[in-house]
Amino acid sequence: MTAARPTPAAAAAILAAVLLCACGGGGGSGSRPSAPPAAAAADPPRPPPTSDSGPRSCANGRAGEFPCAGISLQSRVPLGDMGDGGGNDLWGWADPETGKEYALMGMTDGTAFVDVSEPQSPVFLGRLPTHTTASPWRDIKVYRDHAYVVADSAGAHGMQVFDLTRLRGVSGAQAWEADVVYGDFTHAHNLAVNEQTGFAYAVSTDTCGQGLHMIDLRTPNNPMFAGCHDTVRTHDTQCVLYHGPDAEHREREICFSSNEDHVEVVDVTDKSAPLPLASTTYPQLAYVHQGWLTEDHRFFLLGDELDERDYGVPTRTHVFDMADLDAPAYLYAHELETAATDHNLYVLGSRVFEANYRSGLRVLEFGNLAEREIREVAFFDTFPEGDGVGLEGAWSVYPYLPSGTILVSDIQGGLFVLSMP
C-alpha cells in the first residue's frame, strides 16, 4: 500500500535531514559503522531557490541568475511543480520507440517523471510515490525500459519496478503505481545496474553484510536474487563487463566499489562465488563516496565526499590507474578552483560530469590521465549563493541522453535541464 503524502511540516523536517546528512542515493538506516557526512554547524541555511526557470543562454558568465561557463539553462522544474519535499538522485531514459527523453528524479516522497524531449518546455508526468514512507534518500537506475527505485530510511521499501513504456502518449501528470516490488531487502543505500549483463547490485542493504546484493533483471519485471558479496559495507559501485588493458580479466564482470574507507575491485562473474581482486586507499582519505571508470576501463575517477571538509583542500577528483586490476595504482588528486564538497560524477567520452553540491555542475575534460591531462572546461552553478564546503545544491547529474541534453538534480532547486556545445 502506498504511504500517504507527507504534510508540508513533515516535508520540511525531511529536507532538513537532507541538509544534515546528504550522502549518495541512500542513508544508513542506523546501520552506518562510521559517522555520516554532516554539514558544518556554522553553515547558513540556503535562501529559497531562484524563480528563474529559463531558458537562459550563458553569456558574460551568467545564465540569468546562475553563474556559468559554456553551459546554458534550457529550463528548470522547481520542486513545487513535482510534489513536496526535497530532491535527491537522478537518472534518465530515452524511449527507443518514440525517441522521447525523460528525467527520472528522486524526491523525498517518490520519483518524478518529466518529459524533457523539448528541453525548453519540460512536462511533468506525475510521480511514482514511495512504497513506504518519505525519505531523503532515493536511487534510480534503468534497464530495458524499466526503472528500478530503492530508498533508505524508509522502512521495508524494497525495490520498485516501473515499466517506463507506460509513459508513452502521456501528456500530463498521472498518479502511478509500481508494477512490481522486489522485497528481498528492505532498505538500500544505492543501486547499480550493468546493462550489458542484466544484473543489478543493491548496496548497503540489510542483507549481504551490507555489501553487494546481486539481482538478476534479465526478465525485467521479475527480478530474482542472484547472490551476495558480503565482505564489507559498500556505499556505491559500478559494475561492467570488463574490456580494459588487464588481459587476465577481460570479459569478466567486475565491480569497482566505493566502500567508505577503501576502493575495492571484485570479480562477480560467478554470482555464487565473487572473487575479490584488490583493495586500495589514498592519502588524506576521508569518505570514499562514488566513482566511475573511463570508457576504456583504464582509469577510475573517484569523489571523496569529506576530504574538502576534513583536510581543508579544494574540490578534488582522485585518479587511479586500473591497468592491473590486482594492483590498482593511485596516481593523484586533481584539484579544482572551488572549495565545494564533491558528490556524484559520471564519465562520457573524454569528459567528466561532476555534481559538486554548492558549486553545481562542473565539467572536466581529460587526455592522458597518467600525465595529469585534465582540466575544467565548463560549469553551471545551480547554487548561486556560494561555492564553499557544504551539503546543499547539486546532488547528481545525468549526461547520457542521446540528444546531448544534460540533467542535474538539486536538493532544493529542483530539476535543471541544461545544454552544452
Protein backbone atom coordinates (compact mmCIF):
# COMPACT_ATOMS: atom_id res chain seq x y z
CA MET A 1 0.00 0.00 0.00
CA THR A 2 1.33 3.45 -0.88
CA ALA A 3 2.16 5.73 2.05
CA ALA A 4 0.29 8.98 2.47
CA ARG A 5 1.81 12.11 1.04
CA PRO A 6 3.80 13.94 3.75
CA THR A 7 2.46 17.16 5.19
CA PRO A 8 4.39 20.37 4.45
CA ALA A 9 5.75 20.30 8.01
CA ALA A 10 6.94 16.72 7.60
CA ALA A 11 8.47 17.55 4.24
CA ALA A 12 10.36 20.44 5.79
CA ALA A 13 11.70 18.16 8.51
CA ILE A 14 12.83 15.64 5.91
CA LEU A 15 14.52 18.36 3.88
CA ALA A 16 16.39 19.50 6.97
CA ALA A 17 17.63 15.94 7.36
CA VAL A 18 18.92 16.03 3.80
CA LEU A 19 20.99 19.11 4.53
CA LEU A 20 22.45 17.48 7.62
CA CYS A 21 23.10 14.01 6.24
CA ALA A 22 23.05 14.18 2.43
CA CYS A 23 25.06 11.34 1.01
CA GLY A 24 24.75 9.44 -2.26
CA GLY A 25 21.46 7.78 -3.07
CA GLY A 26 20.93 6.31 0.37
CA GLY A 27 21.42 6.65 4.06
CA GLY A 28 22.31 4.42 6.91
CA SER A 29 19.01 3.40 8.49
CA GLY A 30 21.02 3.30 11.69
CA SER A 31 23.49 0.78 10.28
CA ARG A 32 26.36 3.01 9.23
CA PRO A 33 29.56 1.98 11.02
CA SER A 34 31.11 5.39 10.64
CA ALA A 35 29.59 8.83 11.13
CA PRO A 36 27.66 10.03 8.06
CA PRO A 37 28.71 13.24 6.32
CA ALA A 38 27.19 16.21 8.10
CA ALA A 39 27.05 19.88 7.24
CA ALA A 40 29.14 22.18 9.39
CA ALA A 41 27.13 23.74 12.20
CA ALA A 42 28.08 27.24 11.03
CA ASP A 43 26.68 26.72 7.53
CA PRO A 44 23.92 29.29 6.91
CA PRO A 45 20.57 28.00 5.67
CA ARG A 46 20.04 28.26 1.95
CA PRO A 47 17.65 31.01 0.79
CA PRO A 48 14.63 29.95 -1.25
CA PRO A 49 15.59 28.76 -4.76
CA THR A 50 15.67 31.35 -7.50
CA SER A 51 12.48 31.70 -9.51
CA ASP A 52 14.35 31.74 -12.83
CA SER A 53 13.15 28.78 -14.91
CA GLY A 54 14.79 29.64 -18.23
CA PRO A 55 15.60 29.43 -20.98
CA ARG A 56 18.75 31.47 -20.41
CA SER A 57 21.84 31.41 -22.61
CA CYS A 58 25.17 31.55 -20.81
CA ALA A 59 26.61 34.97 -21.60
CA ASN A 60 29.19 37.02 -19.73
CA GLY A 61 29.41 34.40 -17.03
CA ARG A 62 25.70 34.20 -16.24
CA ALA A 63 22.63 32.32 -17.39
CA GLY A 64 20.01 34.51 -15.81
CA GLU A 65 20.76 34.32 -12.09
CA PHE A 66 23.10 31.33 -12.37
CA PRO A 67 26.90 31.60 -12.75
CA CYS A 68 28.08 29.59 -15.74
CA ALA A 69 30.70 28.98 -18.39
CA GLY A 70 29.91 27.11 -21.59
CA ILE A 71 26.59 25.69 -20.35
CA SER A 72 23.14 27.23 -20.85
CA LEU A 73 19.88 26.78 -18.98
CA GLN A 74 17.12 25.35 -21.13
CA SER A 75 14.63 25.08 -18.29
CA ARG A 76 14.20 24.38 -14.61
CA VAL A 77 11.38 22.42 -12.97
CA PRO A 78 11.03 23.62 -9.36
CA LEU A 79 10.38 21.05 -6.65
CA GLY A 80 6.95 22.52 -6.02
CA ASP A 81 5.92 21.61 -9.55
CA MET A 82 6.76 17.95 -8.90
CA GLY A 83 5.50 17.44 -5.34
CA ASP A 84 6.50 18.17 -1.80
CA GLY A 85 9.89 17.69 -0.15
CA GLY A 86 13.47 17.86 -1.38
CA GLY A 87 15.31 16.50 -4.38
CA ASN A 88 17.99 13.83 -4.44
CA ASP A 89 19.21 11.37 -7.04
CA LEU A 90 18.61 11.34 -10.78
CA TRP A 91 18.65 9.12 -13.85
CA GLY A 92 17.38 9.39 -17.41
CA TRP A 93 15.62 7.32 -20.05
CA ALA A 94 15.36 7.62 -23.84
CA ASP A 95 12.41 5.74 -25.32
CA PRO A 96 13.85 3.60 -28.15
CA GLU A 97 10.50 3.54 -29.94
CA THR A 98 9.47 7.19 -29.84
CA GLY A 99 12.82 8.91 -29.28
CA LYS A 100 11.36 10.90 -26.39
CA GLU A 101 13.64 11.64 -23.45
CA TYR A 102 12.76 11.65 -19.78
CA ALA A 103 14.23 12.69 -16.44
CA LEU A 104 13.63 10.34 -13.52
CA MET A 105 14.20 12.44 -10.42
CA GLY A 106 14.30 11.14 -6.88
CA MET A 107 12.40 13.15 -4.28
CA THR A 108 11.65 12.63 -0.62
CA ASP A 109 8.15 11.39 -1.40
CA GLY A 110 8.78 9.39 -4.57
CA THR A 111 10.17 9.50 -8.09
CA ALA A 112 9.15 12.26 -10.50
CA PHE A 113 8.83 11.61 -14.24
CA VAL A 114 9.50 14.60 -16.51
CA ASP A 115 9.37 14.60 -20.31
CA VAL A 116 12.41 16.66 -21.41
CA SER A 117 12.13 15.89 -25.14
CA GLU A 118 11.63 19.61 -25.69
CA PRO A 119 14.27 20.92 -23.28
CA GLN A 120 12.78 24.40 -23.03
CA SER A 121 9.29 23.04 -22.32
CA PRO A 122 9.54 20.10 -19.90
CA VAL A 123 6.33 18.31 -18.96
CA PHE A 124 5.80 16.81 -15.51
CA LEU A 125 4.10 13.43 -15.93
CA GLY A 126 3.47 12.59 -12.30
CA ARG A 127 5.21 10.65 -9.56
CA LEU A 128 5.74 7.07 -8.52
CA PRO A 129 5.09 7.52 -4.77
CA THR A 130 7.42 5.99 -2.22
CA HIS A 131 6.44 2.40 -1.43
CA THR A 132 6.52 3.11 2.31
CA THR A 133 7.34 6.46 3.90
CA ALA A 134 9.11 9.62 2.82
CA SER A 135 12.90 9.58 2.82
CA PRO A 136 15.68 11.99 1.85
CA TRP A 137 17.50 9.14 0.07
CA ARG A 138 16.34 7.52 -3.14
CA ASP A 139 18.21 6.00 -6.07
CA ILE A 140 17.04 5.13 -9.58
CA LYS A 141 18.54 3.11 -12.40
CA VAL A 142 17.17 1.84 -15.73
CA TYR A 143 17.40 -1.48 -17.58
CA ARG A 144 15.48 -2.43 -20.73
CA ASP A 145 12.88 0.33 -20.42
CA HIS A 146 12.22 -0.35 -16.74
CA ALA A 147 13.08 1.91 -13.81
CA TYR A 148 14.33 0.37 -10.57
CA VAL A 149 13.96 2.50 -7.44
CA VAL A 150 15.40 1.95 -3.97
CA ALA A 151 15.25 4.08 -0.83
CA ASP A 152 16.89 4.25 2.58
CA SER A 153 15.49 5.16 5.99
CA ALA A 154 12.05 4.32 4.58
CA GLY A 155 11.22 1.02 6.28
CA ALA A 156 10.64 -2.04 4.13
CA HIS A 157 10.70 -0.16 0.85
CA GLY A 158 12.44 -2.82 -1.24
CA MET A 159 13.00 -2.11 -4.94
CA GLN A 160 10.17 -0.69 -7.02
CA VAL A 161 9.97 -1.79 -10.66
CA PHE A 162 8.22 0.53 -13.11
CA ASP A 163 7.69 -0.11 -16.83
CA LEU A 164 8.69 3.19 -18.41
CA THR A 165 6.83 2.45 -21.63
CA ARG A 166 3.70 3.34 -19.64
CA LEU A 167 4.80 6.97 -20.11
CA ARG A 168 4.18 6.77 -23.88
CA GLY A 169 1.40 9.06 -25.03
CA VAL A 170 1.02 10.69 -21.60
CA SER A 171 0.76 14.47 -21.78
CA GLY A 172 0.04 15.45 -18.19
CA ALA A 173 0.57 14.45 -14.58
CA GLN A 174 -0.68 10.99 -13.61
CA ALA A 175 -0.79 9.01 -10.36
CA TRP A 176 1.47 5.99 -10.88
CA GLU A 177 1.98 2.70 -9.09
CA ALA A 178 4.87 0.24 -9.30
CA ASP A 179 4.45 -2.83 -11.48
CA VAL A 180 6.38 -4.99 -9.02
CA VAL A 181 8.16 -4.52 -5.69
CA TYR A 182 11.21 -6.70 -5.05
CA GLY A 183 11.32 -7.43 -1.33
CA ASP A 184 14.45 -9.48 -0.66
CA PHE A 185 15.90 -6.47 1.16
CA THR A 186 14.22 -3.60 3.00
CA HIS A 187 16.40 -0.53 2.50
CA ALA A 188 19.26 0.11 0.07
CA HIS A 189 21.78 2.93 0.02
CA ASN A 190 22.36 2.83 -3.70
CA LEU A 191 21.74 0.75 -6.79
CA ALA A 192 23.94 -0.04 -9.78
CA VAL A 193 22.88 -1.81 -12.98
CA ASN A 194 25.14 -3.47 -15.53
CA GLU A 195 23.07 -3.08 -18.69
CA GLN A 196 25.39 -5.42 -20.62
CA THR A 197 24.73 -8.41 -18.37
CA GLY A 198 21.31 -7.60 -16.92
CA PHE A 199 22.32 -7.70 -13.27
CA ALA A 200 21.66 -5.11 -10.58
CA TYR A 201 23.72 -4.51 -7.45
CA ALA A 202 21.99 -3.02 -4.40
CA VAL A 203 24.40 -1.80 -1.74
CA SER A 204 24.23 -1.07 1.98
CA THR A 205 21.08 -3.14 2.38
CA ASP A 206 20.07 -5.14 5.44
CA THR A 207 21.40 -8.25 3.65
CA CYS A 208 24.74 -9.49 2.29
CA GLY A 209 26.71 -7.88 5.12
CA GLN A 210 25.78 -4.50 3.57
CA GLY A 211 27.90 -5.39 0.55
CA LEU A 212 26.70 -6.30 -2.96
CA HIS A 213 23.18 -7.72 -3.11
CA MET A 214 23.03 -9.12 -6.65
CA ILE A 215 19.77 -9.28 -8.62
CA ASP A 216 19.01 -10.89 -11.99
CA LEU A 217 16.99 -8.41 -14.10
CA ARG A 218 17.09 -10.32 -17.38
CA THR A 219 13.33 -10.69 -17.07
CA PRO A 220 12.87 -7.00 -16.24
CA ASN A 221 9.53 -7.26 -14.41
CA ASN A 222 10.57 -10.33 -12.41
CA PRO A 223 13.81 -9.53 -10.54
CA MET A 224 15.41 -12.54 -8.88
CA PHE A 225 18.02 -12.75 -6.14
CA ALA A 226 21.35 -13.89 -7.63
CA GLY A 227 23.94 -13.78 -4.84
CA CYS A 228 25.90 -11.84 -2.23
CA HIS A 229 29.31 -10.28 -1.82
CA ASP A 230 29.34 -9.60 1.89
CA THR A 231 32.86 -8.68 2.94
CA VAL A 232 32.27 -5.01 3.87
CA ARG A 233 29.72 -2.19 3.72
CA THR A 234 29.60 -0.77 0.20
CA HIS A 235 28.50 2.81 -0.37
CA ASP A 236 28.33 2.78 -4.18
CA THR A 237 29.59 0.68 -7.06
CA GLN A 238 29.97 0.49 -10.84
CA CYS A 239 29.86 -2.97 -12.41
CA VAL A 240 30.98 -3.57 -16.00
CA LEU A 241 31.81 -6.29 -18.46
CA TYR A 242 35.50 -5.50 -18.34
CA HIS A 243 37.34 -4.69 -21.59
CA GLY A 244 40.33 -2.81 -20.22
CA PRO A 245 44.08 -3.31 -20.50
CA ASP A 246 44.39 -6.16 -17.97
CA ALA A 247 44.14 -9.18 -20.30
CA GLU A 248 43.76 -11.62 -17.41
CA HIS A 249 40.35 -10.20 -16.51
CA ARG A 250 38.85 -9.26 -19.88
CA GLU A 251 35.22 -10.25 -20.49
CA ARG A 252 34.75 -10.83 -16.77
CA GLU A 253 32.09 -8.92 -14.86
CA ILE A 254 33.96 -6.62 -12.49
CA CYS A 255 32.64 -4.23 -9.83
CA PHE A 256 34.56 -1.15 -8.75
CA SER A 257 33.19 -0.31 -5.32
CA SER A 258 33.44 2.75 -3.09
CA ASN A 259 33.49 1.23 0.39
CA GLU A 260 33.71 4.28 2.66
CA ASP A 261 37.34 3.68 3.72
CA HIS A 262 38.76 1.96 0.62
CA VAL A 263 38.21 1.22 -3.06
CA GLU A 264 37.55 -2.44 -3.85
CA VAL A 265 37.78 -4.37 -7.13
CA VAL A 266 35.81 -7.62 -7.20
CA ASP A 267 35.03 -10.20 -9.91
CA VAL A 268 31.31 -11.01 -9.76
CA THR A 269 31.08 -13.18 -12.87
CA ASP A 270 30.13 -16.15 -10.69
CA LYS A 271 27.37 -14.71 -8.52
CA SER A 272 27.65 -17.63 -6.10
CA ALA A 273 31.37 -17.06 -5.53
CA PRO A 274 32.51 -13.43 -6.02
CA LEU A 275 36.29 -13.07 -6.10
CA PRO A 276 37.91 -10.00 -4.50
CA LEU A 277 40.82 -8.84 -6.63
CA ALA A 278 42.17 -5.76 -4.84
CA SER A 279 41.62 -3.15 -2.15
CA THR A 280 43.31 0.24 -2.21
CA THR A 281 43.34 3.59 -0.40
CA TYR A 282 44.96 7.00 -0.91
CA PRO A 283 46.41 9.90 1.12
CA GLN A 284 44.03 12.15 3.05
CA LEU A 285 41.16 9.70 2.73
CA ALA A 286 38.02 10.90 4.47
CA TYR A 287 34.95 9.19 2.91
CA VAL A 288 35.19 7.06 -0.24
CA HIS A 289 31.90 8.07 -1.84
CA GLN A 290 31.44 7.29 -5.55
CA GLY A 291 33.46 6.83 -8.73
CA TRP A 292 33.30 5.97 -12.43
CA LEU A 293 35.58 4.31 -14.96
CA THR A 294 36.85 5.93 -18.13
CA GLU A 295 35.30 4.29 -21.18
CA ASP A 296 38.46 2.31 -21.95
CA HIS A 297 38.34 0.94 -18.36
CA ARG A 298 41.92 2.12 -17.78
CA PHE A 299 41.30 4.74 -15.10
CA PHE A 300 38.89 5.09 -12.18
CA LEU A 301 37.86 8.60 -11.10
CA LEU A 302 36.64 8.98 -7.54
CA GLY A 303 34.96 11.59 -5.38
CA ASP A 304 35.74 11.65 -1.64
CA GLU A 305 32.77 13.39 -0.03
CA LEU A 306 34.54 14.67 3.07
CA ASP A 307 38.17 15.41 2.20
CA GLU A 308 37.38 19.04 1.41
CA ARG A 309 35.83 19.45 4.84
CA ASP A 310 38.28 17.36 6.86
CA TYR A 311 41.54 18.46 5.23
CA GLY A 312 40.73 21.96 4.01
CA VAL A 313 41.62 21.07 0.41
CA PRO A 314 39.94 22.34 -2.79
CA THR A 315 37.35 20.24 -4.60
CA ARG A 316 39.16 17.05 -5.59
CA THR A 317 38.84 14.28 -8.16
CA HIS A 318 41.02 11.28 -7.27
CA VAL A 319 42.59 9.34 -10.17
CA PHE A 320 43.50 5.62 -10.10
CA ASP A 321 45.30 3.61 -12.77
CA MET A 322 43.47 0.30 -13.22
CA ALA A 323 45.86 -1.22 -15.77
CA ASP A 324 46.40 -4.09 -13.31
CA LEU A 325 43.15 -4.96 -11.53
CA ASP A 326 45.04 -7.00 -8.94
CA ALA A 327 47.19 -3.99 -8.04
CA PRO A 328 45.49 -0.64 -8.77
CA ALA A 329 47.78 2.38 -8.55
CA TYR A 330 46.70 5.66 -7.01
CA LEU A 331 48.06 8.49 -9.17
CA TYR A 332 46.96 11.88 -7.81
CA ALA A 333 44.11 14.18 -6.83
CA HIS A 334 43.12 16.76 -9.41
CA GLU A 335 42.06 19.99 -7.68
CA LEU A 336 39.51 22.49 -8.91
CA GLU A 337 39.44 26.18 -8.05
CA THR A 338 36.40 25.83 -5.78
CA ALA A 339 36.21 24.58 -2.19
CA ALA A 340 32.86 22.83 -2.70
CA THR A 341 32.17 19.32 -1.48
CA ASP A 342 32.01 16.87 -4.37
CA HIS A 343 29.25 14.30 -4.74
CA ASN A 344 28.41 12.22 -7.86
CA LEU A 345 30.43 12.05 -11.08
CA TYR A 346 29.96 10.29 -14.43
CA VAL A 347 32.20 9.90 -17.48
CA LEU A 348 31.11 10.37 -21.09
CA GLY A 349 33.82 10.18 -23.72
CA SER A 350 36.71 12.36 -22.59
CA ARG A 351 34.58 14.42 -20.20
CA VAL A 352 33.76 14.04 -16.52
CA PHE A 353 30.42 15.46 -15.37
CA GLU A 354 30.52 16.23 -11.66
CA ALA A 355 27.63 17.27 -9.39
CA ASN A 356 29.58 19.11 -6.71
CA TYR A 357 26.91 20.34 -4.30
CA ARG A 358 27.35 24.13 -3.82
CA SER A 359 29.40 24.65 -7.00
CA GLY A 360 26.80 22.85 -9.11
CA LEU A 361 27.76 21.02 -12.29
CA ARG A 362 31.45 21.01 -13.20
CA VAL A 363 32.64 19.51 -16.49
CA LEU A 364 36.23 18.33 -16.77
CA GLU A 365 37.95 17.22 -19.97
CA PHE A 366 40.87 14.80 -19.97
CA GLY A 367 43.54 13.45 -22.28
CA ASN A 368 46.30 11.21 -20.93
CA LEU A 369 45.32 10.96 -17.30
CA ALA A 370 48.65 9.37 -16.42
CA GLU A 371 50.25 12.66 -17.47
CA ARG A 372 47.73 14.74 -15.49
CA GLU A 373 45.98 15.98 -18.64
CA ILE A 374 42.70 17.04 -17.08
CA ARG A 375 41.08 20.46 -16.71
CA GLU A 376 37.73 22.11 -16.10
CA VAL A 377 36.13 23.27 -19.35
CA ALA A 378 32.60 24.30 -18.34
CA PHE A 379 30.30 24.73 -15.37
CA PHE A 380 26.76 25.63 -14.36
CA ASP A 381 26.25 26.65 -10.75
CA THR A 382 22.81 25.58 -9.52
CA PHE A 383 23.65 27.08 -6.12
CA PRO A 384 24.50 30.76 -6.75
CA GLU A 385 24.86 31.58 -3.05
CA GLY A 386 28.43 30.27 -2.72
CA ASP A 387 30.92 27.55 -3.64
CA GLY A 388 32.12 26.56 -0.18
CA VAL A 389 32.07 23.29 1.74
CA GLY A 390 28.55 22.07 2.47
CA LEU A 391 25.86 19.60 1.51
CA GLU A 392 23.43 21.82 -0.39
CA GLY A 393 22.98 22.24 -4.12
CA ALA A 394 23.61 19.75 -6.92
CA TRP A 395 23.11 16.12 -5.91
CA SER A 396 23.59 14.31 -9.23
CA VAL A 397 23.97 14.68 -13.00
CA TYR A 398 22.85 12.58 -15.97
CA PRO A 399 24.80 13.30 -19.20
CA TYR A 400 23.77 10.25 -21.28
CA LEU A 401 20.63 11.34 -23.17
CA PRO A 402 21.13 10.84 -26.94
CA SER A 403 20.23 14.47 -27.69
CA GLY A 404 23.08 15.76 -25.52
CA THR A 405 20.69 17.37 -23.04
CA ILE A 406 22.24 17.35 -19.56
CA LEU A 407 20.14 16.82 -16.44
CA VAL A 408 21.07 17.98 -12.93
CA SER A 409 19.12 17.37 -9.72
CA ASP A 410 19.40 20.00 -6.99
CA ILE A 411 18.34 19.31 -3.41
CA GLN A 412 16.29 22.49 -3.17
CA GLY A 413 16.42 23.92 -6.70
CA GLY A 414 14.71 21.00 -8.44
CA LEU A 415 15.47 19.65 -11.91
CA PHE A 416 17.79 21.62 -14.21
CA VAL A 417 17.72 20.92 -17.96
CA LEU A 418 20.97 22.16 -19.49
CA SER A 419 22.78 22.28 -22.84
CA MET A 420 26.45 22.37 -23.73
CA PRO A 421 28.01 22.79 -27.17
